[in-house]
Amino acid sequence: MPAASTKKSRILTGIQPSGDMQLGNYLGAVKRWVTNQDIQTNFIPVVDLHSITVKQDPEELRRQTVSLVAMLIACGVDPEKSTLFIQSHVSAHAVLSWVLNCTTPVGWLERMIQYKEKSHNQERVSTGLLTYPVLMAADILIYDADEVPVGEDQKQHVELTRDIAERFNNIYGQTFVLPEAVVPQVGARVMGLDNPLIKMSKSHAHIRGHAISMLDDPKEIERSIKRSVTDSFNEICFSNEKERAGVNNLLGIYQVITQKTEQEVESDFKDARGYGDLKSRVSDTVISEIEPVTKRYHELINDPAELGRLIQKGDDSARQYADPKLDIVLDKVGLHRNDGAGR
């Protein structure tokens, strides 16, 4: 008898189109999506609706949205294996968000840490900032996602998603899968080159020497890593000590790219002559990883017809999952649907 097929886990990971992708985004998340796309079902929305909770330049937002799709494909996200799409192109997200807003207590949203931080000392706060987590819940629930890979700062939003889903299920009957937040261990936190105690992120990318952009040329990458913070121990090994965070970060970057164990990484550097050799080797490794990505990115950006085809393919694939789920939800809450009505 043939072996029983194993159902692939559904994974939902949204990414905002805000600035160029950093090495930290790539190693902390995107590289893992690429590695796992043969063994799991990936839904990867470019969440442009989330971006407008703060003021945006419309043309720049459009440019960054398309650019991010091109970058994700260049990084190895395969539109034949993963559902990569633009969130605002799939209207079911916004419709489900409204339905969930109507069953979500305001008090739940006001307790969100990110809302408290972003609204602190602001006289005017948009409703979108408050209800941002409900849209995130809609992104997840409309695909019956089993897992949501997130950083520690986003775990609370996934927990809220579970609460929203459970509340809806209790009111209207079993409808949504309760997703699990998954915080990856390896590569989850690539730290700033200028300050290895803070996460490498787009929000600090304007600080010279903080991050490496996936569009940086080799010379700029080499300069950034050469200037990176280390310590005075001159010992190349992994360590949990705060004082060793810089070296630990460089070794971690090397480890995620090479997919080696800690012991193998340390063995690679046992004959190194100080931190200069460490930085040089890490720099060469990063450049070798990024160069083909940059080349593929520019090919896509310079071929708008092909990029548009791939975007349309992803949007259509996402609708095949999202629209039937939305129909189930709308029926349960009593909203009338015309047979054959398009969205």
C-alpha atoms as a PDB file:
ATOM      1  CA  MET A   1       0.000   0.000   0.000  1.00  0.00           C
ATOM      2  CA  PRO A   2       1.244   3.527  -0.717  1.00  0.00           C
ATOM      3  CA  ALA A   3       2.306   5.586   2.270  1.00  0.00           C
ATOM      4  CA  ALA A   4      -0.296   8.010   3.545  1.00  0.00           C
ATOM      5  CA  SER A   5       0.381  11.570   2.411  1.00  0.00           C
ATOM      6  CA  THR A   6       1.396  14.038   5.090  1.00  0.00           C
ATOM      7  CA  LYS A   7      -0.470  17.330   5.081  1.00  0.00           C
ATOM      8  CA  LYS A   8       1.854  20.284   4.701  1.00  0.00           C
ATOM      9  CA  SER A   9       1.658  22.952   7.396  1.00  0.00           C
ATOM     10  CA  ARG A  10       0.277  26.278   6.210  1.00  0.00           C
ATOM     11  CA  ILE A  11       2.575  29.151   7.082  1.00  0.00           C
ATOM     12  CA  LEU A  12       1.590  32.833   6.848  1.00  0.00           C
ATOM     13  CA  THR A  13       4.303  35.459   6.911  1.00  0.00           C
ATOM     14  CA  GLY A  14       3.569  39.053   5.957  1.00  0.00           C
ATOM     15  CA  ILE A  15       6.252  41.601   5.172  1.00  0.00           C
ATOM     16  CA  GLN A  16       5.829  45.365   4.889  1.00  0.00           C
ATOM     17  CA  PRO A  17       7.106  47.320   1.868  1.00  0.00           C
ATOM     18  CA  SER A  18       9.036  49.865   3.904  1.00  0.00           C
ATOM     19  CA  GLY A  19      12.551  50.538   2.629  1.00  0.00           C
ATOM     20  CA  ASP A  20      15.083  48.216   1.045  1.00  0.00           C
ATOM     21  CA  MET A  21      15.336  44.706   2.459  1.00  0.00           C
ATOM     22  CA  GLN A  22      18.152  44.330   4.971  1.00  0.00           C
ATOM     23  CA  LEU A  23      20.470  41.376   5.495  1.00  0.00           C
ATOM     24  CA  GLY A  24      18.714  40.870   8.823  1.00  0.00           C
ATOM     25  CA  ASN A  25      15.332  40.407   7.092  1.00  0.00           C
ATOM     26  CA  TYR A  26      16.849  37.987   4.614  1.00  0.00           C
ATOM     27  CA  LEU A  27      18.768  35.814   7.066  1.00  0.00           C
ATOM     28  CA  GLY A  28      16.217  36.085   9.858  1.00  0.00           C
ATOM     29  CA  ALA A  29      13.204  35.139   7.767  1.00  0.00           C
ATOM     30  CA  VAL A  30      13.319  35.049   3.960  1.00  0.00           C
ATOM     31  CA  LYS A  31      16.129  32.510   3.636  1.00  0.00           C
ATOM     32  CA  ARG A  32      14.169  30.147   5.858  1.00  0.00           C
ATOM     33  CA  TRP A  33      11.004  30.593   3.750  1.00  0.00           C
ATOM     34  CA  VAL A  34      12.998  29.611   0.680  1.00  0.00           C
ATOM     35  CA  THR A  35      14.550  26.579   2.372  1.00  0.00           C
ATOM     36  CA  ASN A  36      11.176  25.316   3.608  1.00  0.00           C
ATOM     37  CA  GLN A  37       8.963  25.994   0.592  1.00  0.00           C
ATOM     38  CA  ASP A  38       9.176  22.357  -0.556  1.00  0.00           C
ATOM     39  CA  ILE A  39       7.954  21.006   2.780  1.00  0.00           C
ATOM     40  CA  GLN A  40       5.325  23.547   3.784  1.00  0.00           C
ATOM     41  CA  THR A  41       2.633  25.697   2.165  1.00  0.00           C
ATOM     42  CA  ASN A  42       3.792  29.310   2.283  1.00  0.00           C
ATOM     43  CA  PHE A  43       1.515  32.338   2.043  1.00  0.00           C
ATOM     44  CA  ILE A  44       3.602  35.499   1.788  1.00  0.00           C
ATOM     45  CA  PRO A  45       1.596  38.715   1.462  1.00  0.00           C
ATOM     46  CA  VAL A  46       3.369  42.018   0.891  1.00  0.00           C
ATOM     47  CA  VAL A  47       1.226  43.858   3.433  1.00  0.00           C
ATOM     48  CA  ASP A  48       0.813  47.285   1.857  1.00  0.00           C
ATOM     49  CA  LEU A  49      -2.473  47.883   3.717  1.00  0.00           C
ATOM     50  CA  HIS A  50      -0.567  47.740   6.993  1.00  0.00           C
ATOM     51  CA  SER A  51       1.840  50.384   5.702  1.00  0.00           C
ATOM     52  CA  ILE A  52      -0.797  53.106   5.491  1.00  0.00           C
ATOM     53  CA  THR A  53      -1.420  53.149   9.252  1.00  0.00           C
ATOM     54  CA  VAL A  54       1.198  55.913   9.042  1.00  0.00           C
ATOM     55  CA  LYS A  55       1.448  58.607   6.360  1.00  0.00           C
ATOM     56  CA  GLN A  56       3.029  57.395   3.116  1.00  0.00           C
ATOM     57  CA  ASP A  57       4.098  58.977  -0.138  1.00  0.00           C
ATOM     58  CA  PRO A  58       1.757  57.192  -2.586  1.00  0.00           C
ATOM     59  CA  GLU A  59       4.236  56.853  -5.438  1.00  0.00           C
ATOM     60  CA  GLU A  60       6.996  55.671  -3.125  1.00  0.00           C
ATOM     61  CA  LEU A  61       4.695  53.091  -1.520  1.00  0.00           C
ATOM     62  CA  ARG A  62       3.772  51.717  -4.953  1.00  0.00           C
ATOM     63  CA  ARG A  63       7.442  51.567  -5.933  1.00  0.00           C
ATOM     64  CA  GLN A  64       8.486  49.846  -2.719  1.00  0.00           C
ATOM     65  CA  THR A  65       5.661  47.314  -2.974  1.00  0.00           C
ATOM     66  CA  VAL A  66       6.678  46.149  -6.449  1.00  0.00           C
ATOM     67  CA  SER A  67      10.356  46.317  -5.486  1.00  0.00           C
ATOM     68  CA  LEU A  68       9.755  44.043  -2.506  1.00  0.00           C
ATOM     69  CA  VAL A  69       7.997  41.427  -4.641  1.00  0.00           C
ATOM     70  CA  ALA A  70      10.975  41.480  -7.027  1.00  0.00           C
ATOM     71  CA  MET A  71      13.416  41.172  -4.126  1.00  0.00           C
ATOM     72  CA  LEU A  72      11.579  38.219  -2.577  1.00  0.00           C
ATOM     73  CA  ILE A  73      11.607  36.357  -5.884  1.00  0.00           C
ATOM     74  CA  ALA A  74      15.281  37.240  -6.338  1.00  0.00           C
ATOM     75  CA  CYS A  75      15.984  35.810  -2.874  1.00  0.00           C
ATOM     76  CA  GLY A  76      14.534  32.489  -4.001  1.00  0.00           C
ATOM     77  CA  VAL A  77      10.818  32.642  -3.183  1.00  0.00           C
ATOM     78  CA  ASP A  78       9.407  30.544  -6.028  1.00  0.00           C
ATOM     79  CA  PRO A  79       5.941  31.666  -7.253  1.00  0.00           C
ATOM     80  CA  GLU A  80       5.353  28.043  -8.345  1.00  0.00           C
ATOM     81  CA  LYS A  81       5.845  26.802  -4.778  1.00  0.00           C
ATOM     82  CA  SER A  82       4.858  29.722  -2.540  1.00  0.00           C
ATOM     83  CA  THR A  83       1.846  32.046  -2.760  1.00  0.00           C
ATOM     84  CA  LEU A  84       3.518  35.458  -2.972  1.00  0.00           C
ATOM     85  CA  PHE A  85       1.035  38.293  -3.483  1.00  0.00           C
ATOM     86  CA  ILE A  86       0.143  41.903  -2.728  1.00  0.00           C
ATOM     87  CA  GLN A  87      -2.279  42.177   0.197  1.00  0.00           C
ATOM     88  CA  SER A  88      -4.405  45.046  -1.166  1.00  0.00           C
ATOM     89  CA  HIS A  89      -4.981  43.102  -4.415  1.00  0.00           C
ATOM     90  CA  VAL A  90      -6.942  40.465  -2.463  1.00  0.00           C
ATOM     91  CA  SER A  91      -9.967  42.352  -1.144  1.00  0.00           C
ATOM     92  CA  ALA A  92     -11.027  39.464   1.104  1.00  0.00           C
ATOM     93  CA  HIS A  93      -8.413  40.595   3.630  1.00  0.00           C
ATOM     94  CA  ALA A  94     -10.075  43.979   4.146  1.00  0.00           C
ATOM     95  CA  VAL A  95     -13.596  42.525   4.195  1.00  0.00           C
ATOM     96  CA  LEU A  96     -12.706  39.875   6.767  1.00  0.00           C
ATOM     97  CA  SER A  97     -10.898  42.506   8.835  1.00  0.00           C
ATOM     98  CA  TRP A  98     -14.142  44.506   9.071  1.00  0.00           C
ATOM     99  CA  VAL A  99     -16.151  41.438  10.097  1.00  0.00           C
ATOM    100  CA  LEU A 100     -13.584  40.619  12.794  1.00  0.00           C
ATOM    101  CA  ASN A 101     -13.572  44.247  13.968  1.00  0.00           C
ATOM    102  CA  CYS A 102     -17.242  43.805  14.742  1.00  0.00           C
ATOM    103  CA  THR A 103     -16.577  40.932  17.154  1.00  0.00           C
ATOM    104  CA  THR A 104     -13.321  42.177  18.719  1.00  0.00           C
ATOM    105  CA  PRO A 105     -13.564  44.158  22.011  1.00  0.00           C
ATOM    106  CA  VAL A 106     -11.787  47.534  21.920  1.00  0.00           C
ATOM    107  CA  GLY A 107     -10.125  46.725  25.235  1.00  0.00           C
ATOM    108  CA  TRP A 108      -8.216  43.858  23.627  1.00  0.00           C
ATOM    109  CA  LEU A 109      -6.702  46.258  21.082  1.00  0.00           C
ATOM    110  CA  GLU A 110      -5.860  48.976  23.595  1.00  0.00           C
ATOM    111  CA  ARG A 111      -3.738  46.468  25.531  1.00  0.00           C
ATOM    112  CA  MET A 112      -1.441  45.806  22.571  1.00  0.00           C
ATOM    113  CA  ILE A 113       2.117  46.822  23.459  1.00  0.00           C
ATOM    114  CA  GLN A 114       2.915  48.194  19.999  1.00  0.00           C
ATOM    115  CA  TYR A 115      -0.218  50.357  20.046  1.00  0.00           C
ATOM    116  CA  LYS A 116       0.733  51.760  23.441  1.00  0.00           C
ATOM    117  CA  GLU A 117       4.259  52.520  22.267  1.00  0.00           C
ATOM    118  CA  LYS A 118       3.285  54.116  18.949  1.00  0.00           C
ATOM    119  CA  SER A 119       0.391  56.145  20.383  1.00  0.00           C
ATOM    120  CA  HIS A 120       2.292  57.403  23.447  1.00  0.00           C
ATOM    121  CA  ASN A 121       2.216  61.199  23.707  1.00  0.00           C
ATOM    122  CA  GLN A 122       0.400  61.551  20.376  1.00  0.00           C
ATOM    123  CA  GLU A 123      -2.647  63.813  20.371  1.00  0.00           C
ATOM    124  CA  ARG A 124      -4.160  62.124  17.339  1.00  0.00           C
ATOM    125  CA  VAL A 125      -3.973  58.420  16.609  1.00  0.00           C
ATOM    126  CA  SER A 126      -5.553  56.824  13.546  1.00  0.00           C
ATOM    127  CA  THR A 127      -8.177  54.145  13.928  1.00  0.00           C
ATOM    128  CA  GLY A 128      -5.992  52.039  11.633  1.00  0.00           C
ATOM    129  CA  LEU A 129      -3.191  52.024  14.191  1.00  0.00           C
ATOM    130  CA  LEU A 130      -5.609  50.693  16.801  1.00  0.00           C
ATOM    131  CA  THR A 131      -7.149  48.041  14.545  1.00  0.00           C
ATOM    132  CA  TYR A 132      -3.878  47.037  12.835  1.00  0.00           C
ATOM    133  CA  PRO A 133      -3.809  43.716  14.780  1.00  0.00           C
ATOM    134  CA  VAL A 134      -7.297  42.817  13.501  1.00  0.00           C
ATOM    135  CA  LEU A 135      -6.140  43.195   9.901  1.00  0.00           C
ATOM    136  CA  MET A 136      -3.149  41.037  10.807  1.00  0.00           C
ATOM    137  CA  ALA A 137      -5.579  38.476  12.243  1.00  0.00           C
ATOM    138  CA  ALA A 138      -7.558  38.537   8.985  1.00  0.00           C
ATOM    139  CA  ASP A 139      -4.347  37.964   7.001  1.00  0.00           C
ATOM    140  CA  ILE A 140      -3.680  34.844   9.030  1.00  0.00           C
ATOM    141  CA  LEU A 141      -7.155  33.407   9.506  1.00  0.00           C
ATOM    142  CA  ILE A 142      -8.357  33.695   5.927  1.00  0.00           C
ATOM    143  CA  TYR A 143      -5.774  31.070   4.886  1.00  0.00           C
ATOM    144  CA  ASP A 144      -6.328  28.774   7.883  1.00  0.00           C
ATOM    145  CA  ALA A 145      -2.644  29.218   8.711  1.00  0.00           C
ATOM    146  CA  ASP A 146      -1.239  26.685  11.163  1.00  0.00           C
ATOM    147  CA  GLU A 147       1.886  28.652  12.031  1.00  0.00           C
ATOM    148  CA  VAL A 148       3.034  32.273  11.937  1.00  0.00           C
ATOM    149  CA  PRO A 149       6.812  32.799  12.193  1.00  0.00           C
ATOM    150  CA  VAL A 150       7.343  36.025  14.139  1.00  0.00           C
ATOM    151  CA  GLY A 151       9.854  37.880  16.270  1.00  0.00           C
ATOM    152  CA  GLU A 152       9.283  38.219  19.994  1.00  0.00           C
ATOM    153  CA  ASP A 153       7.765  41.685  19.423  1.00  0.00           C
ATOM    154  CA  GLN A 154       4.944  40.198  17.307  1.00  0.00           C
ATOM    155  CA  LYS A 155       3.999  37.215  19.477  1.00  0.00           C
ATOM    156  CA  GLN A 156       1.312  39.222  21.257  1.00  0.00           C
ATOM    157  CA  HIS A 157      -0.431  39.900  17.931  1.00  0.00           C
ATOM    158  CA  VAL A 158      -0.592  36.198  17.096  1.00  0.00           C
ATOM    159  CA  GLU A 159      -1.951  35.478  20.565  1.00  0.00           C
ATOM    160  CA  LEU A 160      -4.618  38.124  19.906  1.00  0.00           C
ATOM    161  CA  THR A 161      -5.380  36.430  16.573  1.00  0.00           C
ATOM    162  CA  ARG A 162      -6.067  33.199  18.458  1.00  0.00           C
ATOM    163  CA  ASP A 163      -8.386  35.065  20.851  1.00  0.00           C
ATOM    164  CA  ILE A 164     -10.256  36.698  17.963  1.00  0.00           C
ATOM    165  CA  ALA A 165     -10.615  33.356  16.159  1.00  0.00           C
ATOM    166  CA  GLU A 166     -11.781  31.574  19.291  1.00  0.00           C
ATOM    167  CA  ARG A 167     -14.340  34.287  20.035  1.00  0.00           C
ATOM    168  CA  PHE A 168     -15.706  34.094  16.488  1.00  0.00           C
ATOM    169  CA  ASN A 169     -15.829  30.279  16.666  1.00  0.00           C
ATOM    170  CA  ASN A 170     -17.735  30.447  19.950  1.00  0.00           C
ATOM    171  CA  ILE A 171     -20.306  32.863  18.524  1.00  0.00           C
ATOM    172  CA  TYR A 172     -20.802  31.445  15.027  1.00  0.00           C
ATOM    173  CA  GLY A 173     -19.509  27.881  15.225  1.00  0.00           C
ATOM    174  CA  GLN A 174     -16.186  26.346  14.224  1.00  0.00           C
ATOM    175  CA  THR A 175     -14.769  28.501  11.433  1.00  0.00           C
ATOM    176  CA  PHE A 176     -11.115  29.347  11.973  1.00  0.00           C
ATOM    177  CA  VAL A 177      -7.945  27.393  12.719  1.00  0.00           C
ATOM    178  CA  LEU A 178      -6.143  28.659  15.824  1.00  0.00           C
ATOM    179  CA  PRO A 179      -2.624  29.543  14.611  1.00  0.00           C
ATOM    180  CA  GLU A 180       0.580  29.047  16.568  1.00  0.00           C
ATOM    181  CA  ALA A 181       3.249  31.733  16.881  1.00  0.00           C
ATOM    182  CA  VAL A 182       6.672  30.291  16.046  1.00  0.00           C
ATOM    183  CA  VAL A 183       9.834  32.193  16.994  1.00  0.00           C
ATOM    184  CA  PRO A 184      12.700  30.669  14.971  1.00  0.00           C
ATOM    185  CA  GLN A 185      15.895  30.082  16.921  1.00  0.00           C
ATOM    186  CA  VAL A 186      18.638  30.135  14.305  1.00  0.00           C
ATOM    187  CA  GLY A 187      18.889  33.342  12.339  1.00  0.00           C
ATOM    188  CA  ALA A 188      15.931  34.917  14.128  1.00  0.00           C
ATOM    189  CA  ARG A 189      17.879  37.920  15.367  1.00  0.00           C
ATOM    190  CA  VAL A 190      20.651  39.383  13.234  1.00  0.00           C
ATOM    191  CA  MET A 191      21.960  42.339  15.197  1.00  0.00           C
ATOM    192  CA  GLY A 192      23.146  45.771  14.125  1.00  0.00           C
ATOM    193  CA  LEU A 193      26.777  45.996  12.995  1.00  0.00           C
ATOM    194  CA  ASP A 194      27.183  49.316  14.821  1.00  0.00           C
ATOM    195  CA  ASN A 195      25.384  48.124  17.950  1.00  0.00           C
ATOM    196  CA  PRO A 196      25.118  44.346  18.362  1.00  0.00           C
ATOM    197  CA  LEU A 197      22.699  44.778  21.256  1.00  0.00           C
ATOM    198  CA  ILE A 198      19.860  45.926  18.981  1.00  0.00           C
ATOM    199  CA  LYS A 199      18.248  44.026  16.126  1.00  0.00           C
ATOM    200  CA  MET A 200      19.315  44.918  12.571  1.00  0.00           C
ATOM    201  CA  SER A 201      16.211  46.591  11.158  1.00  0.00           C
ATOM    202  CA  LYS A 202      14.884  48.959   8.527  1.00  0.00           C
ATOM    203  CA  SER A 203      14.002  51.494  11.218  1.00  0.00           C
ATOM    204  CA  HIS A 204      17.708  51.953  11.987  1.00  0.00           C
ATOM    205  CA  ALA A 205      18.933  51.605   8.404  1.00  0.00           C
ATOM    206  CA  HIS A 206      19.555  55.349   8.107  1.00  0.00           C
ATOM    207  CA  ILE A 207      22.366  55.058  10.676  1.00  0.00           C
ATOM    208  CA  ARG A 208      25.651  54.625   8.845  1.00  0.00           C
ATOM    209  CA  GLY A 209      27.179  51.222   9.452  1.00  0.00           C
ATOM    210  CA  HIS A 210      24.105  49.749  11.143  1.00  0.00           C
ATOM    211  CA  ALA A 211      22.821  47.412   8.454  1.00  0.00           C
ATOM    212  CA  ILE A 212      23.619  45.813   5.123  1.00  0.00           C
ATOM    213  CA  SER A 213      21.062  46.318   2.366  1.00  0.00           C
ATOM    214  CA  MET A 214      20.440  43.473  -0.062  1.00  0.00           C
ATOM    215  CA  LEU A 215      21.133  46.043  -2.797  1.00  0.00           C
ATOM    216  CA  ASP A 216      24.500  47.191  -1.408  1.00  0.00           C
ATOM    217  CA  ASP A 217      27.455  46.690  -3.740  1.00  0.00           C
ATOM    218  CA  PRO A 218      30.378  44.483  -2.610  1.00  0.00           C
ATOM    219  CA  LYS A 219      32.588  47.410  -1.616  1.00  0.00           C
ATOM    220  CA  GLU A 220      29.886  48.872   0.626  1.00  0.00           C
ATOM    221  CA  ILE A 221      29.287  45.472   2.251  1.00  0.00           C
ATOM    222  CA  GLU A 222      33.007  45.107   2.884  1.00  0.00           C
ATOM    223  CA  ARG A 223      33.187  48.584   4.432  1.00  0.00           C
ATOM    224  CA  SER A 224      30.175  47.959   6.670  1.00  0.00           C
ATOM    225  CA  ILE A 225      31.522  44.691   8.053  1.00  0.00           C
ATOM    226  CA  LYS A 226      35.029  46.098   8.444  1.00  0.00           C
ATOM    227  CA  ARG A 227      33.594  48.872  10.647  1.00  0.00           C
ATOM    228  CA  SER A 228      31.452  46.466  12.699  1.00  0.00           C
ATOM    229  CA  VAL A 229      31.769  46.497  16.487  1.00  0.00           C
ATOM    230  CA  THR A 230      33.731  43.646  18.094  1.00  0.00           C
ATOM    231  CA  ASP A 231      35.626  43.606  21.432  1.00  0.00           C
ATOM    232  CA  SER A 232      39.117  43.455  22.948  1.00  0.00           C
ATOM    233  CA  PHE A 233      39.221  39.711  23.681  1.00  0.00           C
ATOM    234  CA  ASN A 234      40.492  38.763  20.209  1.00  0.00           C
ATOM    235  CA  GLU A 235      38.955  35.311  20.578  1.00  0.00           C
ATOM    236  CA  ILE A 236      36.760  33.951  17.792  1.00  0.00           C
ATOM    237  CA  CYS A 237      34.083  31.807  19.397  1.00  0.00           C
ATOM    238  CA  PHE A 238      30.392  31.912  20.182  1.00  0.00           C
ATOM    239  CA  SER A 239      29.469  33.462  23.518  1.00  0.00           C
ATOM    240  CA  ASN A 240      26.348  34.612  25.361  1.00  0.00           C
ATOM    241  CA  GLU A 241      28.280  37.354  27.151  1.00  0.00           C
ATOM    242  CA  LYS A 242      27.045  40.870  26.449  1.00  0.00           C
ATOM    243  CA  GLU A 243      30.597  42.084  25.895  1.00  0.00           C
ATOM    244  CA  ARG A 244      31.072  39.496  23.113  1.00  0.00           C
ATOM    245  CA  ALA A 245      27.854  40.351  21.236  1.00  0.00           C
ATOM    246  CA  GLY A 246      29.647  41.831  18.210  1.00  0.00           C
ATOM    247  CA  VAL A 247      31.762  38.755  17.483  1.00  0.00           C
ATOM    248  CA  ASN A 248      28.815  36.507  18.248  1.00  0.00           C
ATOM    249  CA  ASN A 249      26.753  38.424  15.684  1.00  0.00           C
ATOM    250  CA  LEU A 250      29.366  38.061  12.932  1.00  0.00           C
ATOM    251  CA  LEU A 251      29.701  34.353  13.633  1.00  0.00           C
ATOM    252  CA  GLY A 252      25.909  34.032  13.619  1.00  0.00           C
ATOM    253  CA  ILE A 253      25.674  35.689  10.198  1.00  0.00           C
ATOM    254  CA  TYR A 254      28.346  33.330   8.864  1.00  0.00           C
ATOM    255  CA  GLN A 255      26.564  30.340  10.419  1.00  0.00           C
ATOM    256  CA  VAL A 256      23.139  31.114   8.934  1.00  0.00           C
ATOM    257  CA  ILE A 257      24.577  31.575   5.437  1.00  0.00           C
ATOM    258  CA  THR A 258      26.793  28.483   5.532  1.00  0.00           C
ATOM    259  CA  GLN A 259      24.257  26.346   7.470  1.00  0.00           C
ATOM    260  CA  LYS A 260      27.074  24.975   9.625  1.00  0.00           C
ATOM    261  CA  THR A 261      26.978  24.009  13.286  1.00  0.00           C
ATOM    262  CA  GLU A 262      28.586  26.217  15.940  1.00  0.00           C
ATOM    263  CA  GLN A 263      31.438  23.734  16.245  1.00  0.00           C
ATOM    264  CA  GLU A 264      32.031  23.763  12.481  1.00  0.00           C
ATOM    265  CA  VAL A 265      31.967  27.562  12.389  1.00  0.00           C
ATOM    266  CA  GLU A 266      34.497  27.860  15.197  1.00  0.00           C
ATOM    267  CA  SER A 267      36.676  25.272  13.460  1.00  0.00           C
ATOM    268  CA  ASP A 268      36.632  27.384  10.288  1.00  0.00           C
ATOM    269  CA  PHE A 269      38.204  30.251  12.223  1.00  0.00           C
ATOM    270  CA  LYS A 270      40.631  28.342  14.459  1.00  0.00           C
ATOM    271  CA  ASP A 271      43.597  29.482  12.337  1.00  0.00           C
ATOM    272  CA  ALA A 272      42.342  33.054  11.859  1.00  0.00           C
ATOM    273  CA  ARG A 273      44.696  35.870  12.755  1.00  0.00           C
ATOM    274  CA  GLY A 274      42.377  38.028  14.826  1.00  0.00           C
ATOM    275  CA  TYR A 275      39.202  39.889  14.067  1.00  0.00           C
ATOM    276  CA  GLY A 276      40.502  41.240  10.780  1.00  0.00           C
ATOM    277  CA  ASP A 277      40.442  37.727   9.345  1.00  0.00           C
ATOM    278  CA  LEU A 278      37.001  37.133  10.873  1.00  0.00           C
ATOM    279  CA  LYS A 279      35.562  40.253   9.232  1.00  0.00           C
ATOM    280  CA  SER A 280      37.207  39.481   5.898  1.00  0.00           C
ATOM    281  CA  ARG A 281      35.821  35.926   5.811  1.00  0.00           C
ATOM    282  CA  VAL A 282      32.337  37.006   6.877  1.00  0.00           C
ATOM    283  CA  SER A 283      32.412  39.790   4.281  1.00  0.00           C
ATOM    284  CA  ASP A 284      33.336  37.374   1.476  1.00  0.00           C
ATOM    285  CA  THR A 285      30.584  34.994   2.594  1.00  0.00           C
ATOM    286  CA  VAL A 286      27.927  37.736   2.670  1.00  0.00           C
ATOM    287  CA  ILE A 287      28.974  39.095  -0.736  1.00  0.00           C
ATOM    288  CA  SER A 288      28.820  35.610  -2.289  1.00  0.00           C
ATOM    289  CA  GLU A 289      25.316  35.207  -0.899  1.00  0.00           C
ATOM    290  CA  ILE A 290      24.010  38.618  -1.973  1.00  0.00           C
ATOM    291  CA  GLU A 291      25.528  39.047  -5.449  1.00  0.00           C
ATOM    292  CA  PRO A 292      23.233  36.579  -7.302  1.00  0.00           C
ATOM    293  CA  VAL A 293      20.232  38.018  -5.458  1.00  0.00           C
ATOM    294  CA  THR A 294      21.077  41.545  -6.599  1.00  0.00           C
ATOM    295  CA  LYS A 295      21.589  40.369 -10.186  1.00  0.00           C
ATOM    296  CA  ARG A 296      18.205  38.593 -10.296  1.00  0.00           C
ATOM    297  CA  TYR A 297      16.482  41.587  -8.678  1.00  0.00           C
ATOM    298  CA  HIS A 298      17.681  43.968 -11.381  1.00  0.00           C
ATOM    299  CA  GLU A 299      16.613  41.518 -14.094  1.00  0.00           C
ATOM    300  CA  LEU A 300      13.069  41.525 -12.707  1.00  0.00           C
ATOM    301  CA  ILE A 301      12.851  45.278 -12.137  1.00  0.00           C
ATOM    302  CA  ASN A 302      13.997  45.852 -15.719  1.00  0.00           C
ATOM    303  CA  ASP A 303      11.334  43.457 -17.052  1.00  0.00           C
ATOM    304  CA  PRO A 304       8.042  44.946 -15.775  1.00  0.00           C
ATOM    305  CA  ALA A 305       5.934  42.658 -17.974  1.00  0.00           C
ATOM    306  CA  GLU A 306       7.402  39.511 -16.408  1.00  0.00           C
ATOM    307  CA  LEU A 307       7.247  40.951 -12.912  1.00  0.00           C
ATOM    308  CA  GLY A 308       3.631  41.953 -13.486  1.00  0.00           C
ATOM    309  CA  ARG A 309       2.845  38.412 -14.661  1.00  0.00           C
ATOM    310  CA  LEU A 310       4.327  36.933 -11.495  1.00  0.00           C
ATOM    311  CA  ILE A 311       2.412  39.393  -9.300  1.00  0.00           C
ATOM    312  CA  GLN A 312      -0.847  38.508 -11.074  1.00  0.00           C
ATOM    313  CA  LYS A 313      -0.118  34.808 -10.647  1.00  0.00           C
ATOM    314  CA  GLY A 314       0.358  35.235  -6.898  1.00  0.00           C
ATOM    315  CA  ASP A 315      -2.740  37.407  -6.505  1.00  0.00           C
ATOM    316  CA  ASP A 316      -4.883  34.864  -8.366  1.00  0.00           C
ATOM    317  CA  SER A 317      -3.516  31.987  -6.297  1.00  0.00           C
ATOM    318  CA  ALA A 318      -4.233  33.837  -3.042  1.00  0.00           C
ATOM    319  CA  ARG A 319      -7.827  34.571  -4.104  1.00  0.00           C
ATOM    320  CA  GLN A 320      -8.420  30.862  -4.749  1.00  0.00           C
ATOM    321  CA  TYR A 321      -7.888  30.280  -1.021  1.00  0.00           C
ATOM    322  CA  ALA A 322      -9.200  33.560   0.414  1.00  0.00           C
ATOM    323  CA  ASP A 323     -12.492  34.049  -1.448  1.00  0.00           C
ATOM    324  CA  PRO A 324     -14.110  30.686  -0.541  1.00  0.00           C
ATOM    325  CA  LYS A 325     -13.107  31.201   3.105  1.00  0.00           C
ATOM    326  CA  LEU A 326     -14.626  34.676   3.090  1.00  0.00           C
ATOM    327  CA  ASP A 327     -17.868  33.268   1.651  1.00  0.00           C
ATOM    328  CA  ILE A 328     -18.092  30.871   4.603  1.00  0.00           C
ATOM    329  CA  VAL A 329     -17.582  33.719   7.076  1.00  0.00           C
ATOM    330  CA  LEU A 330     -20.078  36.050   5.415  1.00  0.00           C
ATOM    331  CA  ASP A 331     -22.697  33.303   5.336  1.00  0.00           C
ATOM    332  CA  LYS A 332     -22.204  32.611   9.032  1.00  0.00           C
ATOM    333  CA  VAL A 333     -22.709  36.246  10.048  1.00  0.00           C
ATOM    334  CA  GLY A 334     -25.784  36.574   7.818  1.00  0.00           C
ATOM    335  CA  LEU A 335     -24.473  38.750   4.990  1.00  0.00           C
ATOM    336  CA  HIS A 336     -26.228  38.109   1.678  1.00  0.00           C
ATOM    337  CA  ARG A 337     -24.144  36.901  -1.261  1.00  0.00           C
ATOM    338  CA  ASN A 338     -25.298  36.933  -4.889  1.00  0.00           C
ATOM    339  CA  ASP A 339     -24.394  33.721  -6.729  1.00  0.00           C
ATOM    340  CA  GLY A 340     -21.543  34.416  -9.128  1.00  0.00           C
ATOM    341  CA  ALA A 341     -20.899  37.907  -7.763  1.00  0.00           C
ATOM    342  CA  GLY A 342     -17.291  38.921  -8.300  1.00  0.00           C
ATOM    343  CA  ARG A 343     -14.993  40.765  -5.948  1.00  0.00           C
END
